[in-house]
PDB file of N, CA and C in Angstrom:
ATOM      1  N   MET A   1       0.830  -1.171   0.000  1.00  0.00           N
ATOM      2  CA  MET A   1       0.000   0.000   0.000  1.00  0.00           C
ATOM      3  C   MET A   1       0.879   1.241   0.000  1.00  0.00           C
ATOM      4  N   SER A   2       0.481   2.215  -0.725  1.00  0.00           N
ATOM      5  CA  SER A   2       1.259   3.455  -0.740  1.00  0.00           C
ATOM      6  C   SER A   2       0.696   4.416   0.297  1.00  0.00           C
ATOM      7  N   THR A   3       1.532   5.222   0.820  1.00  0.00           N
ATOM      8  CA  THR A   3       1.107   6.221   1.800  1.00  0.00           C
ATOM      9  C   THR A   3       1.004   7.569   1.118  1.00  0.00           C
ATOM     10  N   ASP A   4       0.467   8.528   1.849  1.00  0.00           N
ATOM     11  CA  ASP A   4       0.300   9.866   1.285  1.00  0.00           C
ATOM     12  C   ASP A   4       1.633  10.512   0.947  1.00  0.00           C
ATOM     13  N   SER A   5       2.680  10.141   1.654  1.00  0.00           N
ATOM     14  CA  SER A   5       3.969  10.761   1.396  1.00  0.00           C
ATOM     15  C   SER A   5       4.581  10.271   0.081  1.00  0.00           C
ATOM     16  N   GLU A   6       4.145   9.086  -0.411  1.00  0.00           N
ATOM     17  CA  GLU A   6       4.683   8.543  -1.656  1.00  0.00           C
ATOM     18  C   GLU A   6       3.928   9.039  -2.880  1.00  0.00           C
ATOM     19  N   ARG A   7       2.736   9.566  -2.691  1.00  0.00           N
ATOM     20  CA  ARG A   7       1.925  10.034  -3.813  1.00  0.00           C
ATOM     21  C   ARG A   7       2.443  11.380  -4.298  1.00  0.00           C
ATOM     22  N   PRO A   8       2.337  11.629  -5.611  1.00  0.00           N
ATOM     23  CA  PRO A   8       2.742  12.947  -6.092  1.00  0.00           C
ATOM     24  C   PRO A   8       1.772  14.014  -5.605  1.00  0.00           C
ATOM     25  N   ALA A   9       2.286  15.186  -5.365  1.00  0.00           N
ATOM     26  CA  ALA A   9       1.462  16.286  -4.852  1.00  0.00           C
ATOM     27  C   ALA A   9       0.495  16.755  -5.924  1.00  0.00           C
ATOM     28  N   LEU A  10      -0.725  17.045  -5.494  1.00  0.00           N
ATOM     29  CA  LEU A  10      -1.723  17.592  -6.405  1.00  0.00           C
ATOM     30  C   LEU A  10      -1.443  19.068  -6.622  1.00  0.00           C
ATOM     31  N   SER A  11      -1.834  19.539  -7.752  1.00  0.00           N
ATOM     32  CA  SER A  11      -1.722  20.970  -8.018  1.00  0.00           C
ATOM     33  C   SER A  11      -2.774  21.673  -7.164  1.00  0.00           C
ATOM     34  N   ASP A  12      -2.372  22.504  -6.249  1.00  0.00           N
ATOM     35  CA  ASP A  12      -3.287  23.133  -5.297  1.00  0.00           C
ATOM     36  C   ASP A  12      -3.463  24.609  -5.608  1.00  0.00           C
ATOM     37  N   THR A  13      -4.644  25.088  -5.320  1.00  0.00           N
ATOM     38  CA  THR A  13      -4.898  26.519  -5.375  1.00  0.00           C
ATOM     39  C   THR A  13      -5.261  26.966  -3.976  1.00  0.00           C
ATOM     40  N   THR A  14      -5.077  28.204  -3.678  1.00  0.00           N
ATOM     41  CA  THR A  14      -5.334  28.705  -2.337  1.00  0.00           C
ATOM     42  C   THR A  14      -6.573  29.577  -2.357  1.00  0.00           C
ATOM     43  N   THR A  15      -7.461  29.340  -1.408  1.00  0.00           N
ATOM     44  CA  THR A  15      -8.664  30.151  -1.303  1.00  0.00           C
ATOM     45  C   THR A  15      -8.351  31.403  -0.499  1.00  0.00           C
ATOM     46  N   ARG A  16      -9.352  32.268  -0.316  1.00  0.00           N
ATOM     47  CA  ARG A  16      -9.134  33.512   0.426  1.00  0.00           C
ATOM     48  C   ARG A  16      -8.780  33.254   1.889  1.00  0.00           C
ATOM     49  N   VAL A  17      -9.295  32.179   2.436  1.00  0.00           N
ATOM     50  CA  VAL A  17      -9.001  31.898   3.839  1.00  0.00           C
ATOM     51  C   VAL A  17      -7.705  31.128   4.006  1.00  0.00           C
ATOM     52  N   GLY A  18      -7.048  30.786   2.922  1.00  0.00           N
ATOM     53  CA  GLY A  18      -5.749  30.153   3.000  1.00  0.00           C
ATOM     54  C   GLY A  18      -5.760  28.636   2.980  1.00  0.00           C
ATOM     55  N   HIS A  19      -6.917  28.015   2.770  1.00  0.00           N
ATOM     56  CA  HIS A  19      -6.961  26.558   2.713  1.00  0.00           C
ATOM     57  C   HIS A  19      -6.601  26.085   1.303  1.00  0.00           C
ATOM     58  N   ALA A  20      -5.821  25.030   1.224  1.00  0.00           N
ATOM     59  CA  ALA A  20      -5.442  24.473  -0.079  1.00  0.00           C
ATOM     60  C   ALA A  20      -6.575  23.597  -0.593  1.00  0.00           C
ATOM     61  N   VAL A  21      -6.994  23.839  -1.815  1.00  0.00           N
ATOM     62  CA  VAL A  21      -8.071  23.083  -2.435  1.00  0.00           C
ATOM     63  C   VAL A  21      -7.507  22.388  -3.664  1.00  0.00           C
ATOM     64  N   PRO A  22      -7.716  21.073  -3.801  1.00  0.00           N
ATOM     65  CA  PRO A  22      -7.202  20.410  -4.998  1.00  0.00           C
ATOM     66  C   PRO A  22      -7.892  20.945  -6.253  1.00  0.00           C
ATOM     67  N   GLU A  23      -7.134  21.036  -7.319  1.00  0.00           N
ATOM     68  CA  GLU A  23      -7.667  21.538  -8.577  1.00  0.00           C
ATOM     69  C   GLU A  23      -8.632  20.519  -9.170  1.00  0.00           C
ATOM     70  N   SER A  24      -9.722  20.988  -9.766  1.00  0.00           N
ATOM     71  CA  SER A  24     -10.735  20.076 -10.273  1.00  0.00           C
ATOM     72  C   SER A  24     -10.251  19.351 -11.523  1.00  0.00           C
ATOM     73  N   VAL A  25     -10.813  18.192 -11.727  1.00  0.00           N
ATOM     74  CA  VAL A  25     -10.481  17.398 -12.903  1.00  0.00           C
ATOM     75  C   VAL A  25     -10.947  18.112 -14.166  1.00  0.00           C
ATOM     76  N   LEU A  26     -12.091  18.784 -14.078  1.00  0.00           N
ATOM     77  CA  LEU A  26     -12.613  19.515 -15.229  1.00  0.00           C
ATOM     78  C   LEU A  26     -11.665  20.622 -15.668  1.00  0.00           C
ATOM     79  N   ARG A  27     -11.115  21.341 -14.708  1.00  0.00           N
ATOM     80  CA  ARG A  27     -10.189  22.422 -15.050  1.00  0.00           C
ATOM     81  C   ARG A  27      -8.907  21.864 -15.672  1.00  0.00           C
ATOM     82  N   ARG A  28      -8.378  20.776 -15.108  1.00  0.00           N
ATOM     83  CA  ARG A  28      -7.163  20.177 -15.672  1.00  0.00           C
ATOM     84  C   ARG A  28      -7.432  19.630 -17.071  1.00  0.00           C
ATOM     85  N   GLY A  29      -8.607  19.016 -17.266  1.00  0.00           N
ATOM     86  CA  GLY A  29      -8.951  18.508 -18.590  1.00  0.00           C
ATOM     87  C   GLY A  29      -9.110  19.620 -19.606  1.00  0.00           C
ATOM     88  N   GLY A  30      -9.740  20.712 -19.182  1.00  0.00           N
ATOM     89  CA  GLY A  30      -9.900  21.862 -20.073  1.00  0.00           C
ATOM     90  C   GLY A  30      -8.562  22.450 -20.489  1.00  0.00           C
ATOM     91  N   ARG A  31      -7.642  22.532 -19.530  1.00  0.00           N
ATOM     92  CA  ARG A  31      -6.308  23.032 -19.853  1.00  0.00           C
ATOM     93  C   ARG A  31      -5.587  22.098 -20.820  1.00  0.00           C
ATOM     94  N   LEU A  32      -5.764  20.797 -20.650  1.00  0.00           N
ATOM     95  CA  LEU A  32      -5.144  19.825 -21.550  1.00  0.00           C
ATOM     96  C   LEU A  32      -5.695  19.960 -22.976  1.00  0.00           C
ATOM     97  N   VAL A  33      -7.010  20.107 -23.095  1.00  0.00           N
ATOM     98  CA  VAL A  33      -7.622  20.273 -24.416  1.00  0.00           C
ATOM     99  C   VAL A  33      -7.146  21.573 -25.052  1.00  0.00           C
ATOM    100  N   TRP A  34      -7.094  22.664 -24.285  1.00  0.00           N
ATOM    101  CA  TRP A  34      -6.650  23.947 -24.827  1.00  0.00           C
ATOM    102  C   TRP A  34      -5.207  23.863 -25.312  1.00  0.00           C
ATOM    103  N   ARG A  35      -4.367  23.182 -24.537  1.00  0.00           N
ATOM    104  CA  ARG A  35      -2.965  23.025 -24.931  1.00  0.00           C
ATOM    105  C   ARG A  35      -2.857  22.212 -26.223  1.00  0.00           C
ATOM    106  N   SER A  36      -3.691  21.191 -26.339  1.00  0.00           N
ATOM    107  CA  SER A  36      -3.688  20.376 -27.558  1.00  0.00           C
ATOM    108  C   SER A  36      -4.179  21.184 -28.760  1.00  0.00           C
ATOM    109  N   LEU A  37      -5.197  22.024 -28.542  1.00  0.00           N
ATOM    110  CA  LEU A  37      -5.702  22.871 -29.632  1.00  0.00           C
ATOM    111  C   LEU A  37      -4.631  23.843 -30.120  1.00  0.00           C
ATOM    112  N   ARG A  38      -3.857  24.402 -29.199  1.00  0.00           N
ATOM    113  CA  ARG A  38      -2.801  25.330 -29.598  1.00  0.00           C
ATOM    114  C   ARG A  38      -1.673  24.616 -30.331  1.00  0.00           C
ATOM    115  N   MET A  39      -1.405  23.372 -29.965  1.00  0.00           N
ATOM    116  CA  MET A  39      -0.301  22.644 -30.587  1.00  0.00           C
ATOM    117  C   MET A  39      -0.674  22.096 -31.970  1.00  0.00           C
ATOM    118  N   HIS A  40      -1.934  21.687 -32.150  1.00  0.00           N
ATOM    119  CA  HIS A  40      -2.353  21.040 -33.399  1.00  0.00           C
ATOM    120  C   HIS A  40      -3.676  21.637 -33.896  1.00  0.00           C
ATOM    121  N   PRO A  41      -3.710  22.897 -34.294  1.00  0.00           N
ATOM    122  CA  PRO A  41      -4.986  23.507 -34.697  1.00  0.00           C
ATOM    123  C   PRO A  41      -5.564  22.896 -35.969  1.00  0.00           C
ATOM    124  N   TRP A  42      -4.723  22.530 -36.927  1.00  0.00           N
ATOM    125  CA  TRP A  42      -5.239  21.980 -38.181  1.00  0.00           C
ATOM    126  C   TRP A  42      -5.835  20.593 -37.982  1.00  0.00           C
ATOM    127  N   ALA A  43      -5.230  19.791 -37.140  1.00  0.00           N
ATOM    128  CA  ALA A  43      -5.769  18.456 -36.873  1.00  0.00           C
ATOM    129  C   ALA A  43      -7.129  18.549 -36.187  1.00  0.00           C
ATOM    130  N   HIS A  44      -7.258  19.460 -35.232  1.00  0.00           N
ATOM    131  CA  HIS A  44      -8.548  19.630 -34.557  1.00  0.00           C
ATOM    132  C   HIS A  44      -9.592  20.195 -35.517  1.00  0.00           C
ATOM    133  N   GLY A  45      -9.186  21.140 -36.354  1.00  0.00           N
ATOM    134  CA  GLY A  45     -10.124  21.694 -37.333  1.00  0.00           C
ATOM    135  C   GLY A  45     -10.618  20.638 -38.305  1.00  0.00           C
ATOM    136  N   ALA A  46      -9.701  19.789 -38.776  1.00  0.00           N
ATOM    137  CA  ALA A  46     -10.103  18.716 -39.690  1.00  0.00           C
ATOM    138  C   ALA A  46     -11.026  17.729 -38.995  1.00  0.00           C
ATOM    139  N   GLY A  47     -10.763  17.433 -37.729  1.00  0.00           N
ATOM    140  CA  GLY A  47     -11.631  16.517 -36.978  1.00  0.00           C
ATOM    141  C   GLY A  47     -13.020  17.087 -36.774  1.00  0.00           C
ATOM    142  N   ILE A  48     -13.094  18.361 -36.471  1.00  0.00           N
ATOM    143  CA  ILE A  48     -14.383  19.008 -36.265  1.00  0.00           C
ATOM    144  C   ILE A  48     -15.164  19.067 -37.578  1.00  0.00           C
ATOM    145  N   MET A  49     -14.478  19.404 -38.671  1.00  0.00           N
ATOM    146  CA  MET A  49     -15.152  19.435 -39.980  1.00  0.00           C
ATOM    147  C   MET A  49     -15.637  18.035 -40.374  1.00  0.00           C
ATOM    148  N   GLY A  50     -14.813  17.031 -40.155  1.00  0.00           N
ATOM    149  CA  GLY A  50     -15.215  15.662 -40.473  1.00  0.00           C
ATOM    150  C   GLY A  50     -16.417  15.225 -39.667  1.00  0.00           C
ATOM    151  N   ALA A  51     -16.464  15.588 -38.393  1.00  0.00           N
ATOM    152  CA  ALA A  51     -17.610  15.238 -37.555  1.00  0.00           C
ATOM    153  C   ALA A  51     -18.877  15.934 -38.047  1.00  0.00           C
ATOM    154  N   ASN A  52     -18.747  17.187 -38.491  1.00  0.00           N
ATOM    155  CA  ASN A  52     -19.917  17.900 -39.018  1.00  0.00           C
ATOM    156  C   ASN A  52     -20.412  17.282 -40.317  1.00  0.00           C
ATOM    157  N   VAL A  53     -19.507  16.898 -41.191  1.00  0.00           N
ATOM    158  CA  VAL A  53     -19.905  16.251 -42.445  1.00  0.00           C
ATOM    159  C   VAL A  53     -20.610  14.930 -42.152  1.00  0.00           C
ATOM    160  N   PHE A  54     -20.080  14.166 -41.216  1.00  0.00           N
ATOM    161  CA  PHE A  54     -20.704  12.901 -40.839  1.00  0.00           C
ATOM    162  C   PHE A  54     -22.108  13.128 -40.276  1.00  0.00           C
ATOM    163  N   ALA A  55     -22.258  14.125 -39.394  1.00  0.00           N
ATOM    164  CA  ALA A  55     -23.569  14.409 -38.807  1.00  0.00           C
ATOM    165  C   ALA A  55     -24.573  14.816 -39.882  1.00  0.00           C
ATOM    166  N   LEU A  56     -24.161  15.659 -40.823  1.00  0.00           N
ATOM    167  CA  LEU A  56     -25.061  16.062 -41.908  1.00  0.00           C
ATOM    168  C   LEU A  56     -25.425  14.886 -42.801  1.00  0.00           C
ATOM    169  N   ALA A  57     -24.479  13.986 -43.050  1.00  0.00           N
ATOM    170  CA  ALA A  57     -24.766  12.805 -43.862  1.00  0.00           C
ATOM    171  C   ALA A  57     -25.769  11.897 -43.171  1.00  0.00           C
ATOM    172  N   VAL A  58     -25.650  11.740 -41.866  1.00  0.00           N
ATOM    173  CA  VAL A  58     -26.595  10.896 -41.125  1.00  0.00           C
ATOM    174  C   VAL A  58     -27.992  11.496 -41.172  1.00  0.00           C
ATOM    175  N   VAL A  59     -28.099  12.800 -40.969  1.00  0.00           N
ATOM    176  CA  VAL A  59     -29.401  13.458 -41.020  1.00  0.00           C
ATOM    177  C   VAL A  59     -29.984  13.359 -42.426  1.00  0.00           C
ATOM    178  N   GLY A  60     -29.165  13.605 -43.443  1.00  0.00           N
ATOM    179  CA  GLY A  60     -29.652  13.498 -44.825  1.00  0.00           C
ATOM    180  C   GLY A  60     -30.113  12.088 -45.160  1.00  0.00           C
ATOM    181  N   PHE A  61     -29.383  11.098 -44.683  1.00  0.00           N
ATOM    182  CA  PHE A  61     -29.763   9.711 -44.948  1.00  0.00           C
ATOM    183  C   PHE A  61     -31.098   9.372 -44.294  1.00  0.00           C
ATOM    184  N   THR A  62     -31.326   9.865 -43.079  1.00  0.00           N
ATOM    185  CA  THR A  62     -32.608   9.582 -42.428  1.00  0.00           C
ATOM    186  C   THR A  62     -33.758  10.272 -43.139  1.00  0.00           C
ATOM    187  N   VAL A  63     -33.518  11.460 -43.701  1.00  0.00           N
ATOM    188  CA  VAL A  63     -34.573  12.135 -44.464  1.00  0.00           C
ATOM    189  C   VAL A  63     -34.916  11.317 -45.712  1.00  0.00           C
ATOM    190  N   VAL A  64     -33.902  10.818 -46.405  1.00  0.00           N
ATOM    191  CA  VAL A  64     -34.132  10.005 -47.613  1.00  0.00           C
ATOM    192  C   VAL A  64     -34.883   8.729 -47.262  1.00  0.00           C
ATOM    193  N   ILE A  65     -34.462   8.048 -46.213  1.00  0.00           N
ATOM    194  CA  ILE A  65     -35.141   6.815 -45.808  1.00  0.00           C
ATOM    195  C   ILE A  65     -36.585   7.104 -45.403  1.00  0.00           C
ATOM    196  N   GLY A  66     -36.827   8.226 -44.727  1.00  0.00           N
ATOM    197  CA  GLY A  66     -38.190   8.588 -44.348  1.00  0.00           C
ATOM    198  C   GLY A  66     -39.073   8.838 -45.551  1.00  0.00           C
ATOM    199  N   ARG A  67     -38.537   9.518 -46.559  1.00  0.00           N
ATOM    200  CA  ARG A  67     -39.340   9.780 -47.769  1.00  0.00           C
ATOM    201  C   ARG A  67     -39.613   8.500 -48.550  1.00  0.00           C
ATOM    202  N   ILE A  68     -38.612   7.645 -48.621  1.00  0.00           N
ATOM    203  CA  ILE A  68     -38.822   6.361 -49.312  1.00  0.00           C
ATOM    204  C   ILE A  68     -39.902   5.562 -48.591  1.00  0.00           C
ATOM    205  N   THR A  69     -39.846   5.563 -47.275  1.00  0.00           N
ATOM    206  CA  THR A  69     -40.855   4.839 -46.501  1.00  0.00           C
ATOM    207  C   THR A  69     -42.243   5.418 -46.733  1.00  0.00           C
ATOM    208  N   ASP A  70     -42.347   6.756 -46.697  1.00  0.00           N
ATOM    209  CA  ASP A  70     -43.654   7.397 -46.846  1.00  0.00           C
ATOM    210  C   ASP A  70     -44.222   7.276 -48.251  1.00  0.00           C
ATOM    211  N   GLU A  71     -43.370   7.345 -49.277  1.00  0.00           N
ATOM    212  CA  GLU A  71     -43.862   7.406 -50.647  1.00  0.00           C
ATOM    213  C   GLU A  71     -43.868   6.066 -51.376  1.00  0.00           C
ATOM    214  N   VAL A  72     -43.107   5.080 -50.887  1.00  0.00           N
ATOM    215  CA  VAL A  72     -43.018   3.811 -51.606  1.00  0.00           C
ATOM    216  C   VAL A  72     -43.514   2.649 -50.765  1.00  0.00           C
ATOM    217  N   ILE A  73     -42.959   2.495 -49.587  1.00  0.00           N
ATOM    218  CA  ILE A  73     -43.239   1.289 -48.801  1.00  0.00           C
ATOM    219  C   ILE A  73     -44.650   1.307 -48.220  1.00  0.00           C
ATOM    220  N   VAL A  74     -45.044   2.395 -47.557  1.00  0.00           N
ATOM    221  CA  VAL A  74     -46.366   2.457 -46.940  1.00  0.00           C
ATOM    222  C   VAL A  74     -47.475   2.358 -47.977  1.00  0.00           C
ATOM    223  N   PRO A  75     -47.428   3.114 -49.094  1.00  0.00           N
ATOM    224  CA  PRO A  75     -48.488   2.934 -50.101  1.00  0.00           C
ATOM    225  C   PRO A  75     -48.507   1.509 -50.675  1.00  0.00           C
ATOM    226  N   GLY A  76     -47.354   0.890 -50.819  1.00  0.00           N
ATOM    227  CA  GLY A  76     -47.323  -0.479 -51.328  1.00  0.00           C
ATOM    228  C   GLY A  76     -47.968  -1.460 -50.373  1.00  0.00           C
ATOM    229  N   LEU A  77     -47.788  -1.255 -49.104  1.00  0.00           N
ATOM    230  CA  LEU A  77     -48.403  -2.146 -48.117  1.00  0.00           C
ATOM    231  C   LEU A  77     -49.893  -1.880 -47.953  1.00  0.00           C
ATOM    232  N   ASP A  78     -50.315  -0.631 -48.175  1.00  0.00           N
ATOM    233  CA  ASP A  78     -51.729  -0.290 -48.062  1.00  0.00           C
ATOM    234  C   ASP A  78     -52.515  -0.650 -49.314  1.00  0.00           C
ATOM    235  N   GLY A  79     -51.849  -1.026 -50.369  1.00  0.00           N
ATOM    236  CA  GLY A  79     -52.524  -1.336 -51.617  1.00  0.00           C
ATOM    237  C   GLY A  79     -52.784  -0.110 -52.461  1.00  0.00           C
ATOM    238  N   GLU A  80     -52.189   1.016 -52.119  1.00  0.00           N
ATOM    239  CA  GLU A  80     -52.399   2.251 -52.867  1.00  0.00           C
ATOM    240  C   GLU A  80     -51.340   2.466 -53.936  1.00  0.00           C
ATOM    241  N   ALA A  81     -50.419   1.556 -54.078  1.00  0.00           N
ATOM    242  CA  ALA A  81     -49.337   1.748 -55.037  1.00  0.00           C
ATOM    243  C   ALA A  81     -49.856   1.707 -56.469  1.00  0.00           C
ATOM    244  N   PHE A  82     -50.811   0.835 -56.736  1.00  0.00           N
ATOM    245  CA  PHE A  82     -51.396   0.710 -58.072  1.00  0.00           C
ATOM    246  C   PHE A  82     -52.907   0.809 -57.945  1.00  0.00           C
ATOM    247  N   PRO A  83     -53.431   2.033 -57.883  1.00  0.00           N
ATOM    248  CA  PRO A  83     -54.894   2.155 -57.769  1.00  0.00           C
ATOM    249  C   PRO A  83     -55.578   1.672 -59.048  1.00  0.00           C
ATOM    250  N   ASP A  84     -56.763   1.198 -58.901  1.00  0.00           N
ATOM    251  CA  ASP A  84     -57.589   0.693 -60.009  1.00  0.00           C
ATOM    252  C   ASP A  84     -56.916  -0.466 -60.729  1.00  0.00           C
ATOM    253  N   ASN A  85     -56.102  -1.204 -60.037  1.00  0.00           N
ATOM    254  CA  ASN A  85     -55.459  -2.394 -60.580  1.00  0.00           C
ATOM    255  C   ASN A  85     -54.657  -2.097 -61.841  1.00  0.00           C
ATOM    256  N   ARG A  86     -53.969  -0.972 -61.874  1.00  0.00           N
ATOM    257  CA  ARG A  86     -53.128  -0.620 -63.020  1.00  0.00           C
ATOM    258  C   ARG A  86     -51.928  -1.522 -63.142  1.00  0.00           C
ATOM    259  N   CYS A  87     -51.629  -2.256 -62.137  1.00  0.00           N
ATOM    260  CA  CYS A  87     -50.495  -3.167 -62.190  1.00  0.00           C
ATOM    261  C   CYS A  87     -50.695  -4.210 -63.292  1.00  0.00           C
ATOM    262  N   SER A  88     -51.922  -4.660 -63.469  1.00  0.00           N
ATOM    263  CA  SER A  88     -52.174  -5.686 -64.490  1.00  0.00           C
ATOM    264  C   SER A  88     -52.034  -5.128 -65.899  1.00  0.00           C
ATOM    265  N   GLU A  89     -52.173  -3.797 -66.061  1.00  0.00           N
ATOM    266  CA  GLU A  89     -51.986  -3.206 -67.382  1.00  0.00           C
ATOM    267  C   GLU A  89     -50.518  -3.228 -67.764  1.00  0.00           C
ATOM    268  N   ARG A  90     -49.644  -3.039 -66.806  1.00  0.00           N
ATOM    269  CA  ARG A  90     -48.219  -3.021 -67.088  1.00  0.00           C
ATOM    270  C   ARG A  90     -47.643  -4.415 -67.238  1.00  0.00           C
ATOM    271  N   TRP A  91     -48.057  -5.289 -66.356  1.00  0.00           N
ATOM    272  CA  TRP A  91     -47.514  -6.662 -66.379  1.00  0.00           C
ATOM    273  C   TRP A  91     -48.670  -7.651 -66.475  1.00  0.00           C
ATOM    274  N   PRO A  92     -49.079  -8.009 -67.673  1.00  0.00           N
ATOM    275  CA  PRO A  92     -50.191  -8.959 -67.786  1.00  0.00           C
ATOM    276  C   PRO A  92     -49.773 -10.330 -67.264  1.00  0.00           C
ATOM    277  N   ARG A  93     -50.737 -11.030 -66.792  1.00  0.00           N
ATOM    278  CA  ARG A  93     -50.466 -12.369 -66.242  1.00  0.00           C
ATOM    279  C   ARG A  93     -50.432 -13.396 -67.295  1.00  0.00           C
TER     280      ARG A  93
END
């Protein structure tokens, strides 16, 4: 088991009353992300653009599938695809 003396010291900030408060994980993570953004701006920009293109493609695909369902599949299942039995005019038996 390790003791407190063997652990590395946390980055501490001091409050107005002088008590040491450990730095939050959110703040350390935010600083890490900011440092990464400054070091590799083009890589982050390309990743963000790629994610936006993917999101737009997913939304567009769902719109297409919804229209196909509404205009082709549902009328075909309801029997409205060939009103007045026009199907037999195109493909005689």
